[in-house]
Amino acid sequence: MSVQIIQFGTEPHRVGEVEEAIRNLFAAVEAAAPAGIEYTAARIGDSAQFLLTLTLPDDAANPLLEIPEADEFRGKVGQWAGAPVPPFTLHFIGRYTA
C-alpha cells in the first residue's frame, strides 16, 4: 500500500473556493470510479489548511492522473498555496487495524 499526502494552506477568504473545487474534484472522481483506491480530502479544524490523502495498492499507477478535473485541481493548489505543493509519501512505522 502506498499513501500520498498533499497538505496546503491558503488565505482565509479562499476557503470556500477551495471547498467548492474539492467537491467538484470528488464528483469527477466518483464519475470516473477508479477501482482499488481510497481518496480523502479534509479541512483541518476551522483553519485554511487542507489535507488530501490518496491510498493506492502497492505498485499501482495513480488513476487520478487520467482525470482532467484532478489535473486542473492540482494546478490550482499551487495558486491557493502561493507556491508549488508536491505530494509526499507516508512511510508507515506502525499501523493497527481491526
Protein backbone atom coordinates (compact mmCIF):
# COMPACT_ATOMS: atom_id res chain seq x y z
CA MET A 1 0.00 0.00 0.00
CA SER A 2 1.20 3.49 -0.83
CA VAL A 3 -0.21 6.63 0.77
CA GLN A 4 0.42 10.01 -0.82
CA ILE A 5 -0.36 13.24 1.01
CA ILE A 6 -0.85 16.81 -0.09
CA GLN A 7 -1.14 19.42 2.65
CA PHE A 8 -1.51 23.09 1.90
CA GLY A 9 -2.84 26.32 3.31
CA THR A 10 -4.48 29.25 1.63
CA GLU A 11 -5.76 32.66 2.57
CA PRO A 12 -8.88 32.51 4.77
CA HIS A 13 -11.05 34.29 2.21
CA ARG A 14 -10.33 31.47 -0.30
CA VAL A 15 -11.57 28.60 1.89
CA GLY A 16 -14.99 28.49 0.21
CA GLU A 17 -13.39 28.45 -3.24
CA VAL A 18 -11.13 25.54 -2.25
CA GLU A 19 -14.00 23.61 -0.70
CA GLU A 20 -16.10 24.03 -3.84
CA ALA A 21 -13.17 22.89 -6.01
CA ILE A 22 -12.78 19.80 -3.79
CA ARG A 23 -16.49 18.99 -4.19
CA ASN A 24 -16.12 19.29 -7.98
CA LEU A 25 -12.99 17.15 -7.91
CA PHE A 26 -14.70 14.40 -5.95
CA ALA A 27 -17.73 14.46 -8.27
CA ALA A 28 -15.35 13.84 -11.18
CA VAL A 29 -13.53 11.07 -9.30
CA GLU A 30 -16.82 9.42 -8.40
CA ALA A 31 -17.94 9.62 -12.05
CA ALA A 32 -14.67 8.04 -13.22
CA ALA A 33 -14.93 5.44 -10.43
CA PRO A 34 -11.30 4.28 -10.30
CA ALA A 35 -11.10 0.93 -8.52
CA GLY A 36 -8.83 -0.03 -5.66
CA ILE A 37 -8.08 3.42 -4.25
CA GLU A 38 -9.09 5.46 -1.24
CA TYR A 39 -9.08 9.23 -1.69
CA THR A 40 -9.97 11.70 1.03
CA ALA A 41 -9.92 15.45 1.47
CA ALA A 42 -10.32 17.37 4.69
CA ARG A 43 -10.07 20.84 6.12
CA ILE A 44 -8.05 20.97 9.32
CA GLY A 45 -10.24 22.39 12.06
CA ASP A 46 -11.53 25.87 11.32
CA SER A 47 -8.28 26.81 9.61
CA ALA A 48 -7.50 27.49 5.96
CA GLN A 49 -5.36 24.31 5.89
CA PHE A 50 -6.31 21.31 3.75
CA LEU A 51 -5.14 17.71 3.65
CA LEU A 52 -5.69 15.26 0.81
CA THR A 53 -4.67 11.61 1.02
CA LEU A 54 -4.55 9.02 -1.74
CA THR A 55 -4.12 5.35 -0.85
CA LEU A 56 -3.07 3.05 -3.67
CA PRO A 57 -2.28 -0.67 -3.80
CA ASP A 58 1.47 -1.42 -3.97
CA ASP A 59 2.98 -0.60 -7.37
CA ALA A 60 -0.32 0.75 -8.71
CA ALA A 61 -0.39 3.71 -11.07
CA ASN A 62 -2.17 6.82 -9.88
CA PRO A 63 -5.56 6.79 -11.68
CA LEU A 64 -6.16 10.45 -10.79
CA LEU A 65 -3.59 11.37 -13.44
CA GLU A 66 -6.16 10.28 -16.05
CA ILE A 67 -8.96 12.51 -14.70
CA PRO A 68 -8.85 16.02 -16.23
CA GLU A 69 -10.53 17.65 -13.22
CA ALA A 70 -7.84 16.22 -10.93
CA ASP A 71 -5.15 17.75 -13.13
CA GLU A 72 -6.98 21.09 -13.05
CA PHE A 73 -7.25 20.87 -9.26
CA ARG A 74 -3.51 20.15 -8.89
CA GLY A 75 -2.77 23.29 -10.90
CA LYS A 76 -4.94 25.42 -8.62
CA VAL A 77 -3.35 24.11 -5.41
CA GLY A 78 -0.13 25.98 -6.18
CA GLN A 79 -2.10 29.17 -6.76
CA TRP A 80 -4.03 28.81 -3.50
CA ALA A 81 -0.89 27.98 -1.53
CA GLY A 82 1.27 30.63 -3.19
CA ALA A 83 3.88 28.05 -4.26
CA PRO A 84 4.01 24.55 -5.75
CA VAL A 85 2.86 21.84 -3.34
CA PRO A 86 4.38 18.47 -4.21
CA PRO A 87 2.85 15.31 -2.77
CA PHE A 88 4.82 13.30 -0.28
CA THR A 89 4.62 9.63 0.61
CA LEU A 90 3.91 8.33 4.08
CA HIS A 91 6.28 5.62 5.29
CA PHE A 92 4.44 3.66 7.97
CA ILE A 93 6.34 2.85 11.12
CA GLY A 94 3.38 1.39 12.94
CA ARG A 95 -0.18 0.62 11.96
CA TYR A 96 -3.07 -1.11 13.65
CA THR A 97 -6.34 -2.11 12.00
CA ALA A 98 -9.10 -4.31 13.39
